[in-house]
Amino acid sequence: MRCPNCNSKDIGKIGSHQFYCWSCYIELTVNGDKMSVYQVEEDGTLSSLDDLFFDEQPATTDMHING
C-alpha cells in the first residue's frame, strides 16, 4: 500500500481498517474498494480530504429546450 498523498510506503496500521502515513501524517480508512483520507488536526479530530483526492462529480443531465 502506498500513500495517495506522498506515495510513501511508510504506512502503519492503527485499526482494523485504519492506516496512518508516517511521512505526511494523514490517516487513511479503507473499506472494501473505498478509501477515505483525513488530516489529523492538533486537537486529534479528523478533517476529510476526500474532495482533494477523489474526483467524484455528480452525474449531470443534458437538457434540451425546444422553442
PDB file of N, CA and C in Angstrom:
ATOM      1  N   MET A   1       0.846  -1.178   0.000  1.00  0.00           N
ATOM      2  CA  MET A   1       0.000   0.000   0.000  1.00  0.00           C
ATOM      3  C   MET A   1       0.889   1.238   0.000  1.00  0.00           C
ATOM      4  N   ARG A   2       0.498   2.206  -0.810  1.00  0.00           N
ATOM      5  CA  ARG A   2       1.208   3.485  -0.876  1.00  0.00           C
ATOM      6  C   ARG A   2       0.262   4.618  -0.492  1.00  0.00           C
ATOM      7  N   CYS A   3       0.815   5.647   0.103  1.00  0.00           N
ATOM      8  CA  CYS A   3       0.034   6.815   0.494  1.00  0.00           C
ATOM      9  C   CYS A   3      -0.419   7.563  -0.754  1.00  0.00           C
ATOM     10  N   PRO A   4      -1.715   7.915  -0.850  1.00  0.00           N
ATOM     11  CA  PRO A   4      -2.182   8.664  -2.020  1.00  0.00           C
ATOM     12  C   PRO A   4      -1.687  10.108  -2.044  1.00  0.00           C
ATOM     13  N   ASN A   5      -1.176  10.589  -0.917  1.00  0.00           N
ATOM     14  CA  ASN A   5      -0.702  11.961  -0.845  1.00  0.00           C
ATOM     15  C   ASN A   5       0.776  12.084  -1.218  1.00  0.00           C
ATOM     16  N   CYS A   6       1.633  11.287  -0.572  1.00  0.00           N
ATOM     17  CA  CYS A   6       3.076  11.440  -0.776  1.00  0.00           C
ATOM     18  C   CYS A   6       3.726  10.225  -1.442  1.00  0.00           C
ATOM     19  N   ASN A   7       2.948   9.199  -1.734  1.00  0.00           N
ATOM     20  CA  ASN A   7       3.400   7.982  -2.410  1.00  0.00           C
ATOM     21  C   ASN A   7       4.382   7.157  -1.561  1.00  0.00           C
ATOM     22  N   SER A   8       4.432   7.414  -0.263  1.00  0.00           N
ATOM     23  CA  SER A   8       5.316   6.686   0.636  1.00  0.00           C
ATOM     24  C   SER A   8       4.751   5.306   0.959  1.00  0.00           C
ATOM     25  N   LYS A   9       5.646   4.368   1.248  1.00  0.00           N
ATOM     26  CA  LYS A   9       5.241   3.036   1.705  1.00  0.00           C
ATOM     27  C   LYS A   9       5.292   2.950   3.233  1.00  0.00           C
ATOM     28  N   ASP A  10       5.615   4.052   3.893  1.00  0.00           N
ATOM     29  CA  ASP A  10       5.749   4.090   5.351  1.00  0.00           C
ATOM     30  C   ASP A  10       4.376   4.245   6.002  1.00  0.00           C
ATOM     31  N   ILE A  11       3.553   3.195   5.850  1.00  0.00           N
ATOM     32  CA  ILE A  11       2.175   3.201   6.324  1.00  0.00           C
ATOM     33  C   ILE A  11       2.066   2.251   7.507  1.00  0.00           C
ATOM     34  N   GLY A  12       1.459   2.726   8.588  1.00  0.00           N
ATOM     35  CA  GLY A  12       1.237   1.887   9.755  1.00  0.00           C
ATOM     36  C   GLY A  12      -0.244   1.606   9.937  1.00  0.00           C
ATOM     37  N   LYS A  13      -0.547   0.439  10.475  1.00  0.00           N
ATOM     38  CA  LYS A  13      -1.939   0.059  10.721  1.00  0.00           C
ATOM     39  C   LYS A  13      -2.308   0.486  12.134  1.00  0.00           C
ATOM     40  N   ILE A  14      -3.395   1.269  12.269  1.00  0.00           N
ATOM     41  CA  ILE A  14      -3.802   1.760  13.589  1.00  0.00           C
ATOM     42  C   ILE A  14      -5.172   1.232  13.997  1.00  0.00           C
ATOM     43  N   GLY A  15      -5.815   0.497  13.124  1.00  0.00           N
ATOM     44  CA  GLY A  15      -7.116  -0.092  13.412  1.00  0.00           C
ATOM     45  C   GLY A  15      -7.415  -1.156  12.378  1.00  0.00           C
ATOM     46  N   SER A  16      -8.588  -1.777  12.502  1.00  0.00           N
ATOM     47  CA  SER A  16      -8.902  -2.872  11.584  1.00  0.00           C
ATOM     48  C   SER A  16      -8.974  -2.416  10.128  1.00  0.00           C
ATOM     49  N   HIS A  17      -9.412  -1.192   9.887  1.00  0.00           N
ATOM     50  CA  HIS A  17      -9.489  -0.653   8.525  1.00  0.00           C
ATOM     51  C   HIS A  17      -8.828   0.721   8.442  1.00  0.00           C
ATOM     52  N   GLN A  18      -8.011   1.057   9.435  1.00  0.00           N
ATOM     53  CA  GLN A  18      -7.417   2.382   9.509  1.00  0.00           C
ATOM     54  C   GLN A  18      -5.896   2.301   9.436  1.00  0.00           C
ATOM     55  N   PHE A  19      -5.332   3.252   8.682  1.00  0.00           N
ATOM     56  CA  PHE A  19      -3.892   3.300   8.473  1.00  0.00           C
ATOM     57  C   PHE A  19      -3.405   4.729   8.662  1.00  0.00           C
ATOM     58  N   TYR A  20      -2.097   4.879   8.918  1.00  0.00           N
ATOM     59  CA  TYR A  20      -1.507   6.188   9.157  1.00  0.00           C
ATOM     60  C   TYR A  20      -0.217   6.299   8.357  1.00  0.00           C
ATOM     61  N   CYS A  21      -0.058   7.399   7.650  1.00  0.00           N
ATOM     62  CA  CYS A  21       1.174   7.635   6.896  1.00  0.00           C
ATOM     63  C   CYS A  21       2.149   8.400   7.782  1.00  0.00           C
ATOM     64  N   TRP A  22       3.286   7.777   8.049  1.00  0.00           N
ATOM     65  CA  TRP A  22       4.292   8.396   8.904  1.00  0.00           C
ATOM     66  C   TRP A  22       5.121   9.432   8.165  1.00  0.00           C
ATOM     67  N   SER A  23       4.959   9.535   6.867  1.00  0.00           N
ATOM     68  CA  SER A  23       5.709  10.526   6.093  1.00  0.00           C
ATOM     69  C   SER A  23       4.993  11.863   5.998  1.00  0.00           C
ATOM     70  N   CYS A  24       3.673  11.820   5.773  1.00  0.00           N
ATOM     71  CA  CYS A  24       2.941  13.085   5.625  1.00  0.00           C
ATOM     72  C   CYS A  24       1.836  13.263   6.664  1.00  0.00           C
ATOM     73  N   TYR A  25       1.714  12.292   7.589  1.00  0.00           N
ATOM     74  CA  TYR A  25       0.848  12.428   8.758  1.00  0.00           C
ATOM     75  C   TYR A  25      -0.639  12.525   8.431  1.00  0.00           C
ATOM     76  N   ILE A  26      -1.095  11.707   7.493  1.00  0.00           N
ATOM     77  CA  ILE A  26      -2.527  11.643   7.224  1.00  0.00           C
ATOM     78  C   ILE A  26      -3.033  10.253   7.598  1.00  0.00           C
ATOM     79  N   GLU A  27      -4.322  10.175   7.856  1.00  0.00           N
ATOM     80  CA  GLU A  27      -4.950   8.909   8.214  1.00  0.00           C
ATOM     81  C   GLU A  27      -5.788   8.426   7.039  1.00  0.00           C
ATOM     82  N   LEU A  28      -5.755   7.131   6.796  1.00  0.00           N
ATOM     83  CA  LEU A  28      -6.483   6.515   5.698  1.00  0.00           C
ATOM     84  C   LEU A  28      -7.450   5.488   6.263  1.00  0.00           C
ATOM     85  N   THR A  29      -8.654   5.464   5.739  1.00  0.00           N
ATOM     86  CA  THR A  29      -9.620   4.435   6.098  1.00  0.00           C
ATOM     87  C   THR A  29      -9.969   3.684   4.831  1.00  0.00           C
ATOM     88  N   VAL A  30      -9.823   2.362   4.861  1.00  0.00           N
ATOM     89  CA  VAL A  30     -10.112   1.528   3.700  1.00  0.00           C
ATOM     90  C   VAL A  30     -11.253   0.597   4.063  1.00  0.00           C
ATOM     91  N   ASN A  31     -12.311   0.658   3.266  1.00  0.00           N
ATOM     92  CA  ASN A  31     -13.463  -0.199   3.494  1.00  0.00           C
ATOM     93  C   ASN A  31     -13.855  -0.802   2.148  1.00  0.00           C
ATOM     94  N   GLY A  32     -13.436  -2.030   1.920  1.00  0.00           N
ATOM     95  CA  GLY A  32     -13.665  -2.659   0.619  1.00  0.00           C
ATOM     96  C   GLY A  32     -12.813  -1.977  -0.428  1.00  0.00           C
ATOM     97  N   ASP A  33     -13.449  -1.443  -1.476  1.00  0.00           N
ATOM     98  CA  ASP A  33     -12.704  -0.736  -2.518  1.00  0.00           C
ATOM     99  C   ASP A  33     -12.770   0.780  -2.346  1.00  0.00           C
ATOM    100  N   LYS A  34     -13.334   1.256  -1.233  1.00  0.00           N
ATOM    101  CA  LYS A  34     -13.453   2.691  -0.983  1.00  0.00           C
ATOM    102  C   LYS A  34     -12.410   3.138   0.044  1.00  0.00           C
ATOM    103  N   MET A  35     -11.698   4.220  -0.275  1.00  0.00           N
ATOM    104  CA  MET A  35     -10.700   4.776   0.627  1.00  0.00           C
ATOM    105  C   MET A  35     -11.094   6.204   0.981  1.00  0.00           C
ATOM    106  N   SER A  36     -10.929   6.561   2.239  1.00  0.00           N
ATOM    107  CA  SER A  36     -11.133   7.934   2.689  1.00  0.00           C
ATOM    108  C   SER A  36      -9.824   8.427   3.280  1.00  0.00           C
ATOM    109  N   VAL A  37      -9.547   9.713   3.092  1.00  0.00           N
ATOM    110  CA  VAL A  37      -8.292  10.316   3.542  1.00  0.00           C
ATOM    111  C   VAL A  37      -8.620  11.454   4.499  1.00  0.00           C
ATOM    112  N   TYR A  38      -7.908  11.502   5.627  1.00  0.00           N
ATOM    113  CA  TYR A  38      -8.164  12.503   6.655  1.00  0.00           C
ATOM    114  C   TYR A  38      -6.875  13.167   7.104  1.00  0.00           C
ATOM    115  N   GLN A  39      -6.982  14.447   7.427  1.00  0.00           N
ATOM    116  CA  GLN A  39      -5.891  15.176   8.063  1.00  0.00           C
ATOM    117  C   GLN A  39      -6.156  15.139   9.557  1.00  0.00           C
ATOM    118  N   VAL A  40      -5.137  14.818  10.345  1.00  0.00           N
ATOM    119  CA  VAL A  40      -5.280  14.803  11.786  1.00  0.00           C
ATOM    120  C   VAL A  40      -4.978  16.208  12.301  1.00  0.00           C
ATOM    121  N   GLU A  41      -5.964  16.817  12.935  1.00  0.00           N
ATOM    122  CA  GLU A  41      -5.814  18.179  13.455  1.00  0.00           C
ATOM    123  C   GLU A  41      -5.063  18.157  14.790  1.00  0.00           C
ATOM    124  N   GLU A  42      -4.637  19.324  15.266  1.00  0.00           N
ATOM    125  CA  GLU A  42      -3.882  19.433  16.513  1.00  0.00           C
ATOM    126  C   GLU A  42      -4.637  18.889  17.713  1.00  0.00           C
ATOM    127  N   ASP A  43      -5.965  19.020  17.706  1.00  0.00           N
ATOM    128  CA  ASP A  43      -6.766  18.545  18.834  1.00  0.00           C
ATOM    129  C   ASP A  43      -7.145  17.070  18.702  1.00  0.00           C
ATOM    130  N   GLY A  44      -6.663  16.411  17.640  1.00  0.00           N
ATOM    131  CA  GLY A  44      -6.926  14.997  17.449  1.00  0.00           C
ATOM    132  C   GLY A  44      -8.126  14.689  16.570  1.00  0.00           C
ATOM    133  N   THR A  45      -8.885  15.695  16.192  1.00  0.00           N
ATOM    134  CA  THR A  45     -10.023  15.460  15.315  1.00  0.00           C
ATOM    135  C   THR A  45      -9.533  15.236  13.885  1.00  0.00           C
ATOM    136  N   LEU A  46     -10.404  14.644  13.087  1.00  0.00           N
ATOM    137  CA  LEU A  46     -10.066  14.350  11.697  1.00  0.00           C
ATOM    138  C   LEU A  46     -10.852  15.253  10.763  1.00  0.00           C
ATOM    139  N   SER A  47     -10.182  15.773   9.747  1.00  0.00           N
ATOM    140  CA  SER A  47     -10.823  16.570   8.701  1.00  0.00           C
ATOM    141  C   SER A  47     -10.687  15.809   7.391  1.00  0.00           C
ATOM    142  N   SER A  48     -11.801  15.599   6.718  1.00  0.00           N
ATOM    143  CA  SER A  48     -11.795  14.837   5.472  1.00  0.00           C
ATOM    144  C   SER A  48     -11.048  15.588   4.376  1.00  0.00           C
ATOM    145  N   LEU A  49     -10.241  14.842   3.639  1.00  0.00           N
ATOM    146  CA  LEU A  49      -9.524  15.379   2.483  1.00  0.00           C
ATOM    147  C   LEU A  49      -9.992  14.699   1.201  1.00  0.00           C
ATOM    148  N   ASP A  50     -11.109  13.973   1.278  1.00  0.00           N
ATOM    149  CA  ASP A  50     -11.592  13.212   0.124  1.00  0.00           C
ATOM    150  C   ASP A  50     -11.831  14.095  -1.095  1.00  0.00           C
ATOM    151  N   ASP A  51     -12.311  15.323  -0.882  1.00  0.00           N
ATOM    152  CA  ASP A  51     -12.582  16.199  -2.024  1.00  0.00           C
ATOM    153  C   ASP A  51     -11.305  16.598  -2.763  1.00  0.00           C
ATOM    154  N   LEU A  52     -10.154  16.474  -2.113  1.00  0.00           N
ATOM    155  CA  LEU A  52      -8.879  16.785  -2.770  1.00  0.00           C
ATOM    156  C   LEU A  52      -8.295  15.596  -3.521  1.00  0.00           C
ATOM    157  N   PHE A  53      -8.631  14.386  -3.076  1.00  0.00           N
ATOM    158  CA  PHE A  53      -8.018  13.185  -3.626  1.00  0.00           C
ATOM    159  C   PHE A  53      -8.899  12.419  -4.606  1.00  0.00           C
ATOM    160  N   PHE A  54     -10.207  12.512  -4.432  1.00  0.00           N
ATOM    161  CA  PHE A  54     -11.104  11.698  -5.242  1.00  0.00           C
ATOM    162  C   PHE A  54     -12.051  12.594  -6.009  1.00  0.00           C
ATOM    163  N   ASP A  55     -12.074  12.438  -7.306  1.00  0.00           N
ATOM    164  CA  ASP A  55     -12.888  13.268  -8.192  1.00  0.00           C
ATOM    165  C   ASP A  55     -14.247  12.609  -8.383  1.00  0.00           C
ATOM    166  N   GLU A  56     -15.156  12.887  -7.451  1.00  0.00           N
ATOM    167  CA  GLU A  56     -16.500  12.335  -7.545  1.00  0.00           C
ATOM    168  C   GLU A  56     -17.449  13.454  -7.934  1.00  0.00           C
ATOM    169  N   GLN A  57     -17.655  13.600  -9.219  1.00  0.00           N
ATOM    170  CA  GLN A  57     -18.538  14.641  -9.708  1.00  0.00           C
ATOM    171  C   GLN A  57     -19.937  14.074  -9.848  1.00  0.00           C
ATOM    172  N   PRO A  58     -20.938  14.867  -9.452  1.00  0.00           N
ATOM    173  CA  PRO A  58     -22.303  14.386  -9.589  1.00  0.00           C
ATOM    174  C   PRO A  58     -22.667  14.204 -11.057  1.00  0.00           C
ATOM    175  N   ALA A  59     -23.529  13.247 -11.296  1.00  0.00           N
ATOM    176  CA  ALA A  59     -23.982  12.997 -12.671  1.00  0.00           C
ATOM    177  C   ALA A  59     -24.755  14.204 -13.173  1.00  0.00           C
ATOM    178  N   THR A  60     -24.517  14.576 -14.408  1.00  0.00           N
ATOM    179  CA  THR A  60     -25.230  15.709 -14.989  1.00  0.00           C
ATOM    180  C   THR A  60     -26.152  15.209 -16.080  1.00  0.00           C
ATOM    181  N   THR A  61     -27.216  15.942 -16.276  1.00  0.00           N
ATOM    182  CA  THR A  61     -28.185  15.593 -17.302  1.00  0.00           C
ATOM    183  C   THR A  61     -28.237  16.726 -18.311  1.00  0.00           C
ATOM    184  N   ASP A  62     -28.116  16.400 -19.582  1.00  0.00           N
ATOM    185  CA  ASP A  62     -28.231  17.408 -20.620  1.00  0.00           C
ATOM    186  C   ASP A  62     -29.706  17.727 -20.836  1.00  0.00           C
ATOM    187  N   MET A  63     -30.006  18.992 -20.801  1.00  0.00           N
ATOM    188  CA  MET A  63     -31.389  19.417 -21.025  1.00  0.00           C
ATOM    189  C   MET A  63     -31.457  20.139 -22.366  1.00  0.00           C
ATOM    190  N   HIS A  64     -32.373  19.753 -23.199  1.00  0.00           N
ATOM    191  CA  HIS A  64     -32.576  20.400 -24.494  1.00  0.00           C
ATOM    192  C   HIS A  64     -33.919  21.105 -24.465  1.00  0.00           C
ATOM    193  N   ILE A  65     -33.874  22.381 -24.798  1.00  0.00           N
ATOM    194  CA  ILE A  65     -35.114  23.168 -24.819  1.00  0.00           C
ATOM    195  C   ILE A  65     -35.517  23.368 -26.268  1.00  0.00           C
ATOM    196  N   ASN A  66     -36.686  22.909 -26.568  1.00  0.00           N
ATOM    197  CA  ASN A  66     -37.214  23.104 -27.918  1.00  0.00           C
ATOM    198  C   ASN A  66     -38.089  24.342 -27.908  1.00  0.00           C
ATOM    199  N   GLY A  67     -37.784  25.290 -28.809  1.00  0.00           N
ATOM    200  CA  GLY A  67     -38.522  26.521 -28.760  1.00  0.00           C
ATOM    201  C   GLY A  67     -39.131  26.866 -29.980  1.00  0.00           C
TER     202      GLY A  67
END
